[in-house]
Amino acid sequence: MAVVDGGTEAVPGTIPTCVHKCYAGGMAETVSVREFRHNLASYLERAHLGEEIVITRAGRVDAQLGPVTETRSVSTSEDDGGGDDVS
């Protein structure tokens, strides 16, 4: 794996991990917005499985992604039947 923008480059069929092993020991992994966008599906799956992901922009914390702790009703402006869109 090659280091890309503070994270790692994705290998098809794998979930990227932080080169700093940030998640080891219960810490959230920190990734740049660029890395997050590049591997969005993988990070969403990891959050679904219980991991917390901290997203940075220009070196500053911008957002945090993690598992849903309670069931919520989600409404969308258009229902395409796919179930992937969240408003």
N, C-alpha and C. Protein backbone atom coordinates (compact mmCIF):
# COMPACT_ATOMS: atom_id res chain seq x y z
N MET A 1 0.83 -1.18 0.00
CA MET A 1 0.00 0.00 0.00
C MET A 1 0.87 1.24 0.00
N ALA A 2 0.46 2.23 -0.75
CA ALA A 2 1.20 3.49 -0.80
C ALA A 2 0.52 4.51 0.11
N VAL A 3 1.32 5.36 0.72
CA VAL A 3 0.77 6.41 1.58
C VAL A 3 0.22 7.52 0.69
N VAL A 4 -1.04 7.92 0.96
CA VAL A 4 -1.69 8.97 0.18
C VAL A 4 -2.34 9.95 1.13
N ASP A 5 -1.92 11.18 1.13
CA ASP A 5 -2.57 12.26 1.88
C ASP A 5 -2.84 11.90 3.33
N GLY A 6 -1.89 11.32 4.02
CA GLY A 6 -2.04 11.03 5.44
C GLY A 6 -2.73 9.71 5.73
N GLY A 7 -3.16 9.00 4.73
CA GLY A 7 -3.81 7.71 4.91
C GLY A 7 -3.15 6.68 4.05
N THR A 8 -3.89 5.69 3.63
CA THR A 8 -3.32 4.69 2.75
C THR A 8 -4.16 4.56 1.50
N GLU A 9 -3.53 4.15 0.44
CA GLU A 9 -4.24 3.95 -0.81
C GLU A 9 -5.01 2.64 -0.72
N ALA A 10 -6.23 2.63 -1.16
CA ALA A 10 -7.07 1.44 -1.08
C ALA A 10 -6.61 0.36 -2.05
N VAL A 11 -6.70 -0.87 -1.60
CA VAL A 11 -6.45 -2.02 -2.44
C VAL A 11 -7.81 -2.66 -2.68
N PRO A 12 -8.18 -2.91 -3.95
CA PRO A 12 -9.49 -3.49 -4.22
C PRO A 12 -9.77 -4.72 -3.36
N GLY A 13 -10.96 -4.74 -2.77
CA GLY A 13 -11.37 -5.87 -1.95
C GLY A 13 -10.92 -5.79 -0.50
N THR A 14 -10.27 -4.70 -0.11
CA THR A 14 -9.83 -4.54 1.26
C THR A 14 -10.35 -3.23 1.83
N ILE A 15 -10.34 -3.13 3.14
CA ILE A 15 -10.71 -1.88 3.80
C ILE A 15 -9.42 -1.19 4.20
N PRO A 16 -9.22 0.07 3.76
CA PRO A 16 -7.96 0.75 4.08
C PRO A 16 -7.82 0.98 5.58
N THR A 17 -6.59 0.95 6.07
CA THR A 17 -6.32 1.24 7.47
C THR A 17 -5.32 2.38 7.56
N CYS A 18 -5.32 3.06 8.65
CA CYS A 18 -4.43 4.19 8.86
C CYS A 18 -2.99 3.71 9.01
N VAL A 19 -2.05 4.38 8.36
CA VAL A 19 -0.65 3.99 8.46
C VAL A 19 -0.11 4.20 9.86
N HIS A 20 -0.78 5.00 10.65
CA HIS A 20 -0.35 5.28 12.02
C HIS A 20 -1.00 4.33 13.01
N LYS A 21 -1.84 3.41 12.55
CA LYS A 21 -2.56 2.46 13.40
C LYS A 21 -3.39 3.18 14.46
N CYS A 22 -4.02 4.28 14.06
CA CYS A 22 -4.78 5.11 15.00
C CYS A 22 -5.90 4.35 15.67
N TYR A 23 -6.49 3.39 14.98
CA TYR A 23 -7.65 2.70 15.55
C TYR A 23 -7.22 1.66 16.58
N ALA A 24 -5.98 1.21 16.55
CA ALA A 24 -5.51 0.24 17.53
C ALA A 24 -5.62 0.84 18.91
N GLY A 25 -6.15 0.08 19.85
CA GLY A 25 -6.28 0.57 21.21
C GLY A 25 -7.53 1.40 21.43
N GLY A 26 -8.48 1.35 20.51
CA GLY A 26 -9.76 2.02 20.71
C GLY A 26 -9.82 3.46 20.24
N MET A 27 -8.75 4.00 19.68
CA MET A 27 -8.79 5.37 19.19
C MET A 27 -9.46 5.40 17.82
N ALA A 28 -10.13 6.51 17.53
CA ALA A 28 -10.75 6.68 16.22
C ALA A 28 -9.67 6.91 15.17
N GLU A 29 -9.91 6.43 13.98
CA GLU A 29 -8.99 6.68 12.87
C GLU A 29 -9.24 8.09 12.34
N THR A 30 -8.18 8.79 12.00
CA THR A 30 -8.27 10.13 11.44
C THR A 30 -7.88 10.07 9.97
N VAL A 31 -8.77 10.60 9.11
CA VAL A 31 -8.51 10.61 7.67
C VAL A 31 -8.84 11.99 7.12
N SER A 32 -8.19 12.35 6.03
CA SER A 32 -8.47 13.63 5.37
C SER A 32 -9.77 13.51 4.57
N VAL A 33 -10.35 14.65 4.25
CA VAL A 33 -11.56 14.66 3.42
C VAL A 33 -11.28 13.98 2.09
N ARG A 34 -10.11 14.23 1.54
CA ARG A 34 -9.74 13.61 0.26
C ARG A 34 -9.74 12.08 0.37
N GLU A 35 -9.09 11.55 1.40
CA GLU A 35 -9.04 10.11 1.62
C GLU A 35 -10.44 9.55 1.86
N PHE A 36 -11.23 10.27 2.65
CA PHE A 36 -12.59 9.82 2.95
C PHE A 36 -13.43 9.74 1.67
N ARG A 37 -13.37 10.78 0.84
CA ARG A 37 -14.12 10.77 -0.42
C ARG A 37 -13.67 9.63 -1.32
N HIS A 38 -12.37 9.41 -1.38
CA HIS A 38 -11.81 8.38 -2.26
C HIS A 38 -12.27 6.98 -1.85
N ASN A 39 -12.49 6.76 -0.55
CA ASN A 39 -12.85 5.44 -0.04
C ASN A 39 -14.16 5.47 0.76
N LEU A 40 -15.11 6.28 0.31
CA LEU A 40 -16.35 6.50 1.04
C LEU A 40 -17.06 5.22 1.43
N ALA A 41 -17.28 4.32 0.50
CA ALA A 41 -18.01 3.08 0.78
C ALA A 41 -17.33 2.26 1.87
N SER A 42 -16.01 2.19 1.83
CA SER A 42 -15.27 1.43 2.84
C SER A 42 -15.42 2.04 4.22
N TYR A 43 -15.33 3.38 4.30
CA TYR A 43 -15.47 4.04 5.60
C TYR A 43 -16.90 3.93 6.13
N LEU A 44 -17.89 3.99 5.27
CA LEU A 44 -19.28 3.80 5.71
C LEU A 44 -19.48 2.40 6.26
N GLU A 45 -18.91 1.41 5.61
CA GLU A 45 -19.01 0.02 6.08
C GLU A 45 -18.32 -0.13 7.44
N ARG A 46 -17.16 0.47 7.58
CA ARG A 46 -16.43 0.39 8.85
C ARG A 46 -17.23 1.05 9.98
N ALA A 47 -17.85 2.19 9.69
CA ALA A 47 -18.68 2.86 10.69
C ALA A 47 -19.88 1.99 11.06
N HIS A 48 -20.47 1.38 10.06
CA HIS A 48 -21.60 0.46 10.29
C HIS A 48 -21.19 -0.69 11.21
N LEU A 49 -19.94 -1.13 11.09
CA LEU A 49 -19.43 -2.24 11.91
C LEU A 49 -18.94 -1.79 13.29
N GLY A 50 -19.05 -0.48 13.57
CA GLY A 50 -18.75 0.01 14.91
C GLY A 50 -17.54 0.90 15.06
N GLU A 51 -16.78 1.12 14.00
CA GLU A 51 -15.60 1.98 14.09
C GLU A 51 -16.01 3.45 14.06
N GLU A 52 -15.16 4.28 14.62
CA GLU A 52 -15.34 5.73 14.54
C GLU A 52 -14.25 6.29 13.65
N ILE A 53 -14.64 7.18 12.75
CA ILE A 53 -13.73 7.79 11.79
C ILE A 53 -13.79 9.30 12.00
N VAL A 54 -12.64 9.94 12.20
CA VAL A 54 -12.56 11.39 12.33
C VAL A 54 -12.08 11.92 10.99
N ILE A 55 -12.80 12.90 10.43
CA ILE A 55 -12.49 13.44 9.12
C ILE A 55 -11.92 14.84 9.29
N THR A 56 -10.76 15.08 8.67
CA THR A 56 -10.10 16.38 8.80
C THR A 56 -10.08 17.11 7.47
N ARG A 57 -10.06 18.44 7.57
CA ARG A 57 -9.92 19.30 6.40
C ARG A 57 -8.83 20.31 6.74
N ALA A 58 -7.82 20.37 5.93
CA ALA A 58 -6.68 21.27 6.15
C ALA A 58 -6.06 21.05 7.53
N GLY A 59 -6.02 19.79 7.97
CA GLY A 59 -5.39 19.46 9.23
C GLY A 59 -6.23 19.69 10.47
N ARG A 60 -7.47 20.14 10.29
CA ARG A 60 -8.36 20.40 11.42
C ARG A 60 -9.54 19.45 11.39
N VAL A 61 -9.98 19.01 12.56
CA VAL A 61 -11.12 18.10 12.64
C VAL A 61 -12.35 18.81 12.10
N ASP A 62 -13.03 18.14 11.15
CA ASP A 62 -14.20 18.72 10.49
C ASP A 62 -15.47 17.94 10.82
N ALA A 63 -15.35 16.60 10.99
CA ALA A 63 -16.53 15.78 11.24
C ALA A 63 -16.10 14.45 11.84
N GLN A 64 -17.09 13.74 12.39
CA GLN A 64 -16.84 12.41 12.92
C GLN A 64 -17.94 11.49 12.42
N LEU A 65 -17.54 10.30 11.99
CA LEU A 65 -18.48 9.30 11.50
C LEU A 65 -18.37 8.08 12.40
N GLY A 66 -19.50 7.54 12.79
CA GLY A 66 -19.50 6.36 13.64
C GLY A 66 -20.80 5.61 13.52
N PRO A 67 -20.93 4.53 14.27
CA PRO A 67 -22.14 3.72 14.20
C PRO A 67 -23.34 4.48 14.77
N VAL A 68 -24.51 4.16 14.27
CA VAL A 68 -25.75 4.72 14.79
C VAL A 68 -26.03 4.04 16.12
N THR A 69 -26.29 4.83 17.16
CA THR A 69 -26.50 4.26 18.48
C THR A 69 -27.97 4.02 18.80
N GLU A 70 -28.86 4.56 18.00
CA GLU A 70 -30.28 4.33 18.18
C GLU A 70 -30.95 4.28 16.82
N THR A 71 -32.09 3.62 16.74
CA THR A 71 -32.82 3.54 15.49
C THR A 71 -33.53 4.85 15.24
N ARG A 72 -33.34 5.39 14.05
CA ARG A 72 -33.97 6.66 13.68
C ARG A 72 -34.78 6.48 12.41
N SER A 73 -35.87 7.22 12.32
CA SER A 73 -36.66 7.23 11.11
C SER A 73 -36.06 8.28 10.18
N VAL A 74 -35.77 7.90 8.96
CA VAL A 74 -35.16 8.80 8.00
C VAL A 74 -36.13 9.04 6.86
N SER A 75 -36.37 10.32 6.55
CA SER A 75 -37.24 10.64 5.42
C SER A 75 -36.39 11.22 4.31
N THR A 76 -36.74 10.90 3.08
CA THR A 76 -36.02 11.43 1.93
C THR A 76 -37.00 12.15 1.04
N SER A 77 -36.50 13.11 0.26
CA SER A 77 -37.37 13.86 -0.64
C SER A 77 -37.81 12.99 -1.81
N GLU A 78 -36.98 12.04 -2.21
CA GLU A 78 -37.32 11.10 -3.27
C GLU A 78 -37.01 9.70 -2.78
N ASP A 79 -37.93 8.78 -2.98
CA ASP A 79 -37.69 7.40 -2.58
C ASP A 79 -37.46 6.58 -3.82
N ASP A 80 -36.20 6.20 -4.04
CA ASP A 80 -35.87 5.40 -5.21
C ASP A 80 -35.93 3.91 -4.93
N GLY A 81 -36.26 3.56 -3.67
CA GLY A 81 -36.37 2.16 -3.32
C GLY A 81 -35.04 1.50 -3.02
N GLY A 82 -33.93 2.24 -3.20
CA GLY A 82 -32.60 1.67 -2.98
C GLY A 82 -32.20 1.60 -1.52
N GLY A 83 -32.74 2.50 -0.70
CA GLY A 83 -32.43 2.48 0.71
C GLY A 83 -31.07 3.04 1.07
N ASP A 84 -30.31 3.56 0.12
CA ASP A 84 -28.97 4.06 0.41
C ASP A 84 -28.95 5.56 0.65
N ASP A 85 -29.98 6.29 0.25
CA ASP A 85 -29.98 7.74 0.38
C ASP A 85 -30.44 8.14 1.77
N VAL A 86 -29.69 9.05 2.38
CA VAL A 86 -30.05 9.57 3.69
C VAL A 86 -30.05 11.07 3.61
N SER A 87 -31.08 11.71 4.10
CA SER A 87 -31.16 13.17 4.10
C SER A 87 -30.79 13.70 5.45
